[in-house]
Amino acid sequence: MPFGLSADVTATDVENGMVLLDQRKGFYWHLNATGALTIRLLQDGCSPPQIASALAERFPGAADDTLRDVEALIEALQKARLLVTS
């Protein structure tokens, strides 16, 4: 299932990750580099298991938690209405 940012959300890369600005509410979320990579991979059409695999390759010590963490980030961003399925 492909994901994309909500139409009212602007993403900006910053030195240590990404900032998502919700223009409807005026709130922003700061994502670390791992969260930013997750968003980019989602936008490229990668599935959560594919993203978890890519993250596990970069961070082998966290391999057991990557899928759970990716799914938790997706759920939080969807709940905040920042991320939608396309």
Protein backbone atom coordinates (compact mmCIF):
# COMPACT_ATOMS: atom_id res chain seq x y z
CA MET A 1 0.00 0.00 0.00
CA PRO A 2 1.67 3.26 -1.12
CA PHE A 3 1.90 6.18 1.27
CA GLY A 4 2.25 9.90 0.75
CA LEU A 5 2.21 13.06 2.79
CA SER A 6 -1.12 14.76 3.28
CA ALA A 7 -1.79 17.60 0.83
CA ASP A 8 -1.49 20.11 3.69
CA VAL A 9 1.91 18.86 4.84
CA THR A 10 5.23 20.30 3.74
CA ALA A 11 8.45 18.34 4.24
CA THR A 12 11.80 20.07 4.60
CA ASP A 13 15.14 18.36 4.98
CA VAL A 14 17.23 19.66 7.86
CA GLU A 15 20.75 18.86 8.99
CA ASN A 16 19.74 16.01 11.28
CA GLY A 17 16.56 14.73 9.61
CA MET A 18 13.35 16.24 8.33
CA VAL A 19 10.63 18.61 9.50
CA LEU A 20 7.00 18.01 8.58
CA LEU A 21 4.80 21.13 8.80
CA ASP A 22 1.06 20.64 9.14
CA GLN A 23 -0.18 23.82 7.47
CA ARG A 24 -3.78 23.25 8.68
CA LYS A 25 -2.87 23.38 12.36
CA GLY A 26 0.46 25.17 12.25
CA PHE A 27 2.21 22.30 14.05
CA TYR A 28 5.43 20.65 12.99
CA TRP A 29 7.10 17.34 13.62
CA HIS A 30 10.86 16.89 13.64
CA LEU A 31 12.01 13.49 12.45
CA ASN A 32 15.51 12.23 13.03
CA ALA A 33 17.57 10.86 10.14
CA THR A 34 16.01 7.40 10.48
CA GLY A 35 12.48 8.82 10.44
CA ALA A 36 13.35 10.97 7.44
CA LEU A 37 14.70 7.95 5.57
CA THR A 38 11.52 6.06 6.42
CA ILE A 39 9.39 8.85 4.92
CA ARG A 40 11.53 8.99 1.77
CA LEU A 41 11.31 5.23 1.29
CA LEU A 42 7.54 5.28 1.84
CA GLN A 43 7.23 8.00 -0.80
CA ASP A 44 9.33 5.84 -3.14
CA GLY A 45 6.78 3.05 -2.78
CA CYS A 46 8.63 0.78 -0.36
CA SER A 47 6.56 -1.34 2.00
CA PRO A 48 7.13 -1.30 5.77
CA PRO A 49 8.96 -4.68 5.65
CA GLN A 50 11.22 -3.37 2.86
CA ILE A 51 11.98 -0.25 4.90
CA ALA A 52 12.67 -2.33 8.00
CA SER A 53 15.09 -4.46 6.00
CA ALA A 54 16.91 -1.37 4.68
CA LEU A 55 17.16 0.07 8.20
CA ALA A 56 18.36 -3.25 9.62
CA GLU A 57 21.20 -3.25 7.09
CA ARG A 58 22.25 0.24 8.23
CA PHE A 59 21.73 -0.44 11.94
CA PRO A 60 22.31 -4.17 12.54
CA GLY A 61 22.09 -3.81 16.32
CA ALA A 62 18.47 -2.70 16.04
CA ALA A 63 17.36 -5.30 13.50
CA ASP A 64 14.87 -6.93 15.87
CA ASP A 65 12.94 -3.69 16.39
CA THR A 66 12.96 -2.08 12.96
CA LEU A 67 9.64 -3.33 11.59
CA ARG A 68 7.84 -2.50 14.83
CA ASP A 69 9.41 0.97 14.84
CA VAL A 70 8.53 1.62 11.18
CA GLU A 71 4.94 0.56 11.79
CA ALA A 72 4.73 2.72 14.92
CA LEU A 73 5.98 5.78 13.01
CA ILE A 74 3.48 5.17 10.20
CA GLU A 75 0.65 4.79 12.71
CA ALA A 76 1.62 7.97 14.57
CA LEU A 77 1.87 10.01 11.36
CA GLN A 78 -1.45 8.66 10.10
CA LYS A 79 -3.12 9.43 13.42
CA ALA A 80 -1.78 13.00 13.19
CA ARG A 81 -3.14 13.09 9.60
CA LEU A 82 0.30 13.85 8.18
CA LEU A 83 0.61 10.61 6.20
CA VAL A 84 -2.09 9.13 3.99
CA THR A 85 -2.42 6.07 1.81
CA SER A 86 -2.48 6.89 -1.87
